[in-house]
Amino acid sequence: MQTRTNEEWLSELRSDNHGQAIEDLGRVLKRGLIYALSSRIQTDLETQVDDFVQDAILRILDKMDTFRGESKFTTWAQKVAVRVAFTEMRRQRWKDISIEDLMPEDSGDFTPMVLSDPSPDPEKRASQTIMLEMVDEMLKNDLTDRQRTALMAVMHGGMPLEEVARRMDTNRNALYKLLHDARKQMRSRLIEKGMTPQDVLEVFESG
């Protein structure tokens, strides 16, 4: 495979006759991804990497105008490929799980992992139960359906933001806004009850 300067990579990939440059770039990306993912993918590594490479090449061709020349083109392209691969791996992890699976039953409650305490004393458990019931009531009554769905998927279910945004047919920025508004509403309701988010957390602190 021939050695190319950054300018040569850009020029050849943008040309109509870019087949050889794409083939060479694919080999570079495949070698790098196999090295980066060998400890994370136990089966069908090469097949999965081939798929990641194809997706990454499309992303690279689409984003070439953002390359600023501060590093080797192949180094930049590898970073794009790794991001593409990790995004797809996260998506695959959640592909058989729906957002509805992460929502509690009507008889359940909202218990994020950060608020879990496996062995509190009886008095502390009583305080936690009261607090969780209050938070659960606010989730059900003070948030819109979309706010509640987003908050539960991220905080209760641990689903990545990118995957929640995709499932809810929105983008990451809009999801950030949705979560921000939901937390702001929850904070306002706590203040109305004479409490702060820190008061809630303190009930679940150990020690």
Protein backbone atom coordinates (compact mmCIF):
# COMPACT_ATOMS: atom_id res chain seq x y z
CA MET A 1 0.00 0.00 0.00
CA GLN A 2 1.41 3.37 -1.01
CA THR A 3 2.21 6.05 1.53
CA ARG A 4 0.12 9.20 1.15
CA THR A 5 0.34 12.69 2.58
CA ASN A 6 -2.75 14.24 4.14
CA GLU A 7 -3.33 16.25 0.97
CA GLU A 8 -3.06 13.13 -1.18
CA TRP A 9 -5.59 11.26 0.96
CA LEU A 10 -8.07 14.11 0.73
CA SER A 11 -7.53 14.63 -2.98
CA GLU A 12 -7.85 10.95 -3.90
CA LEU A 13 -10.87 10.30 -1.69
CA ARG A 14 -12.66 13.30 -3.21
CA SER A 15 -11.87 12.30 -6.78
CA ASP A 16 -14.22 10.32 -9.01
CA ASN A 17 -11.59 7.58 -9.25
CA HIS A 18 -11.29 6.96 -5.51
CA GLY A 19 -11.60 3.17 -5.44
CA GLN A 20 -7.98 2.43 -4.57
CA ALA A 21 -7.84 5.11 -1.86
CA ILE A 22 -11.00 3.74 -0.23
CA GLU A 23 -9.64 0.20 -0.38
CA ASP A 24 -6.36 1.30 1.21
CA LEU A 25 -8.16 3.33 3.87
CA GLY A 26 -10.33 0.31 4.66
CA ARG A 27 -7.22 -1.79 5.30
CA VAL A 28 -5.80 0.88 7.62
CA LEU A 29 -9.06 1.12 9.55
CA LYS A 30 -9.50 -2.65 9.79
CA ARG A 31 -6.02 -3.13 11.20
CA GLY A 32 -6.59 -0.41 13.79
CA LEU A 33 -10.06 -1.61 14.80
CA ILE A 34 -8.96 -5.23 15.23
CA TYR A 35 -6.25 -4.00 17.58
CA ALA A 36 -8.65 -1.69 19.46
CA LEU A 37 -11.54 -4.15 19.77
CA SER A 38 -9.84 -7.54 20.16
CA SER A 39 -10.31 -7.50 23.93
CA ARG A 40 -13.96 -6.41 23.68
CA ILE A 41 -15.35 -8.69 20.97
CA GLN A 42 -14.96 -12.40 21.62
CA THR A 43 -16.71 -13.88 18.57
CA ASP A 44 -16.78 -12.96 14.87
CA LEU A 45 -14.30 -10.14 15.44
CA GLU A 46 -13.25 -9.85 11.80
CA THR A 47 -16.81 -9.93 10.47
CA GLN A 48 -17.97 -7.24 12.87
CA VAL A 49 -14.91 -5.11 12.16
CA ASP A 50 -15.61 -5.35 8.42
CA ASP A 51 -19.09 -3.92 9.06
CA PHE A 52 -17.68 -1.16 11.25
CA VAL A 53 -15.13 -0.28 8.56
CA GLN A 54 -17.84 0.14 5.92
CA ASP A 55 -19.87 2.40 8.20
CA ALA A 56 -16.76 4.33 9.20
CA ILE A 57 -15.71 4.98 5.60
CA LEU A 58 -19.12 6.49 4.84
CA ARG A 59 -18.82 8.69 7.93
CA ILE A 60 -15.27 9.74 7.02
CA LEU A 61 -16.25 10.67 3.46
CA ASP A 62 -19.11 12.72 4.87
CA LYS A 63 -16.92 14.47 7.45
CA MET A 64 -13.73 15.12 5.46
CA ASP A 65 -14.37 18.86 5.46
CA THR A 66 -13.97 18.82 9.25
CA PHE A 67 -10.42 17.43 9.07
CA ARG A 68 -8.14 20.30 10.10
CA GLY A 69 -4.78 18.72 9.31
CA GLU A 70 -3.51 18.83 12.89
CA SER A 71 -2.61 15.13 12.75
CA LYS A 72 -2.08 12.48 10.12
CA PHE A 73 -5.25 11.88 8.12
CA THR A 74 -5.16 8.19 8.97
CA THR A 75 -4.95 8.99 12.70
CA TRP A 76 -8.03 11.20 12.43
CA ALA A 77 -9.82 8.55 10.36
CA GLN A 78 -9.04 5.90 12.99
CA LYS A 79 -10.61 8.05 15.69
CA VAL A 80 -13.75 8.42 13.58
CA ALA A 81 -13.82 4.65 13.01
CA VAL A 82 -13.45 3.87 16.72
CA ARG A 83 -16.34 6.21 17.57
CA VAL A 84 -18.48 4.57 14.90
CA ALA A 85 -17.62 1.10 16.23
CA PHE A 86 -18.33 1.93 19.86
CA THR A 87 -21.62 3.61 18.98
CA GLU A 88 -22.71 0.54 17.06
CA MET A 89 -21.58 -1.80 19.85
CA ARG A 90 -23.67 0.14 22.37
CA ARG A 91 -26.63 -0.03 20.01
CA GLN A 92 -26.24 -3.79 19.58
CA ARG A 93 -26.16 -4.23 23.35
CA TRP A 94 -29.60 -2.61 23.65
CA LYS A 95 -31.19 -3.84 20.41
CA ASP A 96 -33.41 -6.45 22.10
CA ILE A 97 -34.48 -4.13 24.94
CA SER A 98 -37.29 -1.64 24.49
CA ILE A 99 -37.68 1.54 26.49
CA GLU A 100 -40.93 0.08 27.81
CA ASP A 101 -38.91 -2.77 29.36
CA LEU A 102 -37.07 -0.17 31.45
CA MET A 103 -40.22 1.44 32.81
CA PRO A 104 -41.47 0.23 36.20
CA GLU A 105 -44.78 -1.53 36.51
CA ASP A 106 -47.69 0.58 37.72
CA SER A 107 -47.23 -1.00 41.12
CA GLY A 108 -43.47 -0.42 41.08
CA ASP A 109 -41.43 2.58 42.05
CA PHE A 110 -38.58 4.69 40.74
CA THR A 111 -35.32 3.53 42.30
CA PRO A 112 -32.21 4.67 40.42
CA MET A 113 -29.05 2.75 41.25
CA VAL A 114 -27.56 5.87 42.85
CA LEU A 115 -30.37 5.74 45.42
CA SER A 116 -30.05 2.05 46.20
CA ASP A 117 -29.08 1.01 49.71
CA PRO A 118 -29.17 -2.78 50.14
CA SER A 119 -29.10 -2.89 53.94
CA PRO A 120 -30.34 0.27 55.68
CA ASP A 121 -31.59 0.26 59.25
CA PRO A 122 -35.41 0.23 59.70
CA GLU A 123 -35.66 3.97 60.38
CA LYS A 124 -33.58 4.79 57.34
CA ARG A 125 -35.56 2.35 55.20
CA ALA A 126 -38.78 4.09 56.24
CA SER A 127 -37.35 7.48 55.25
CA GLN A 128 -36.19 6.06 51.93
CA THR A 129 -39.60 4.55 51.21
CA ILE A 130 -41.33 7.87 51.86
CA MET A 131 -38.85 9.70 49.66
CA LEU A 132 -39.16 7.22 46.80
CA GLU A 133 -42.95 7.39 46.93
CA MET A 134 -42.75 11.17 46.67
CA VAL A 135 -40.32 11.04 43.73
CA ASP A 136 -42.47 8.38 42.04
CA GLU A 137 -45.55 10.57 42.43
CA MET A 138 -43.75 13.53 40.86
CA LEU A 139 -42.61 11.38 37.95
CA LYS A 140 -46.16 10.23 37.28
CA ASN A 141 -47.98 13.51 37.83
CA ASP A 142 -45.59 16.38 37.09
CA LEU A 143 -43.77 15.28 33.94
CA THR A 144 -44.97 14.82 30.38
CA ASP A 145 -44.97 11.31 28.96
CA ARG A 146 -41.84 12.04 26.90
CA GLN A 147 -40.02 13.61 29.85
CA ARG A 148 -40.85 10.63 32.04
CA THR A 149 -39.85 8.12 29.35
CA ALA A 150 -36.50 9.83 28.74
CA LEU A 151 -35.69 10.23 32.43
CA MET A 152 -36.59 6.64 33.27
CA ALA A 153 -34.61 5.21 30.35
CA VAL A 154 -31.46 7.15 31.23
CA MET A 155 -31.54 7.24 35.04
CA HIS A 156 -33.46 4.08 35.92
CA GLY A 157 -32.51 1.87 32.99
CA GLY A 158 -29.03 3.16 32.21
CA MET A 159 -29.62 3.27 28.45
CA PRO A 160 -27.05 5.42 26.58
CA LEU A 161 -28.25 8.86 25.50
CA GLU A 162 -27.61 8.12 21.81
CA GLU A 163 -29.81 5.03 21.97
CA VAL A 164 -32.60 6.79 23.89
CA ALA A 165 -32.57 9.59 21.30
CA ARG A 166 -32.78 7.07 18.46
CA ARG A 167 -35.64 5.15 20.08
CA MET A 168 -37.55 8.37 20.76
CA ASP A 169 -37.00 9.59 17.19
CA THR A 170 -35.14 12.69 18.28
CA ASN A 171 -31.55 13.93 18.41
CA ARG A 172 -29.05 14.22 21.25
CA ASN A 173 -29.48 17.98 21.70
CA ALA A 174 -33.27 17.72 21.86
CA LEU A 175 -32.94 14.87 24.36
CA TYR A 176 -30.61 16.98 26.53
CA LYS A 177 -33.26 19.72 26.51
CA LEU A 178 -36.00 17.22 27.39
CA LEU A 179 -33.98 15.85 30.33
CA HIS A 180 -33.01 19.35 31.47
CA ASP A 181 -36.65 20.43 31.53
CA ALA A 182 -37.67 17.25 33.38
CA ARG A 183 -35.01 17.73 36.07
CA LYS A 184 -35.90 21.41 36.36
CA GLN A 185 -39.55 20.49 36.90
CA MET A 186 -38.63 17.87 39.50
CA ARG A 187 -36.38 20.37 41.29
CA SER A 188 -39.16 22.97 41.36
CA ARG A 189 -41.61 20.47 42.85
CA LEU A 190 -39.08 19.50 45.53
CA ILE A 191 -38.59 23.17 46.44
CA GLU A 192 -42.36 23.59 46.70
CA LYS A 193 -42.29 20.76 49.23
CA GLY A 194 -39.52 22.53 51.16
CA MET A 195 -36.78 20.18 49.96
CA THR A 196 -33.78 20.13 47.62
CA PRO A 197 -32.28 17.35 45.46
CA GLN A 198 -29.47 17.12 48.03
CA ASP A 199 -32.04 16.34 50.73
CA VAL A 200 -33.17 13.36 48.67
CA LEU A 201 -29.62 12.08 48.18
CA GLU A 202 -28.74 12.48 51.86
CA VAL A 203 -31.51 10.06 52.81
CA PHE A 204 -29.75 7.40 50.73
CA GLU A 205 -26.18 8.12 51.78
CA SER A 206 -24.60 5.29 53.74
CA GLY A 207 -22.92 5.68 57.06
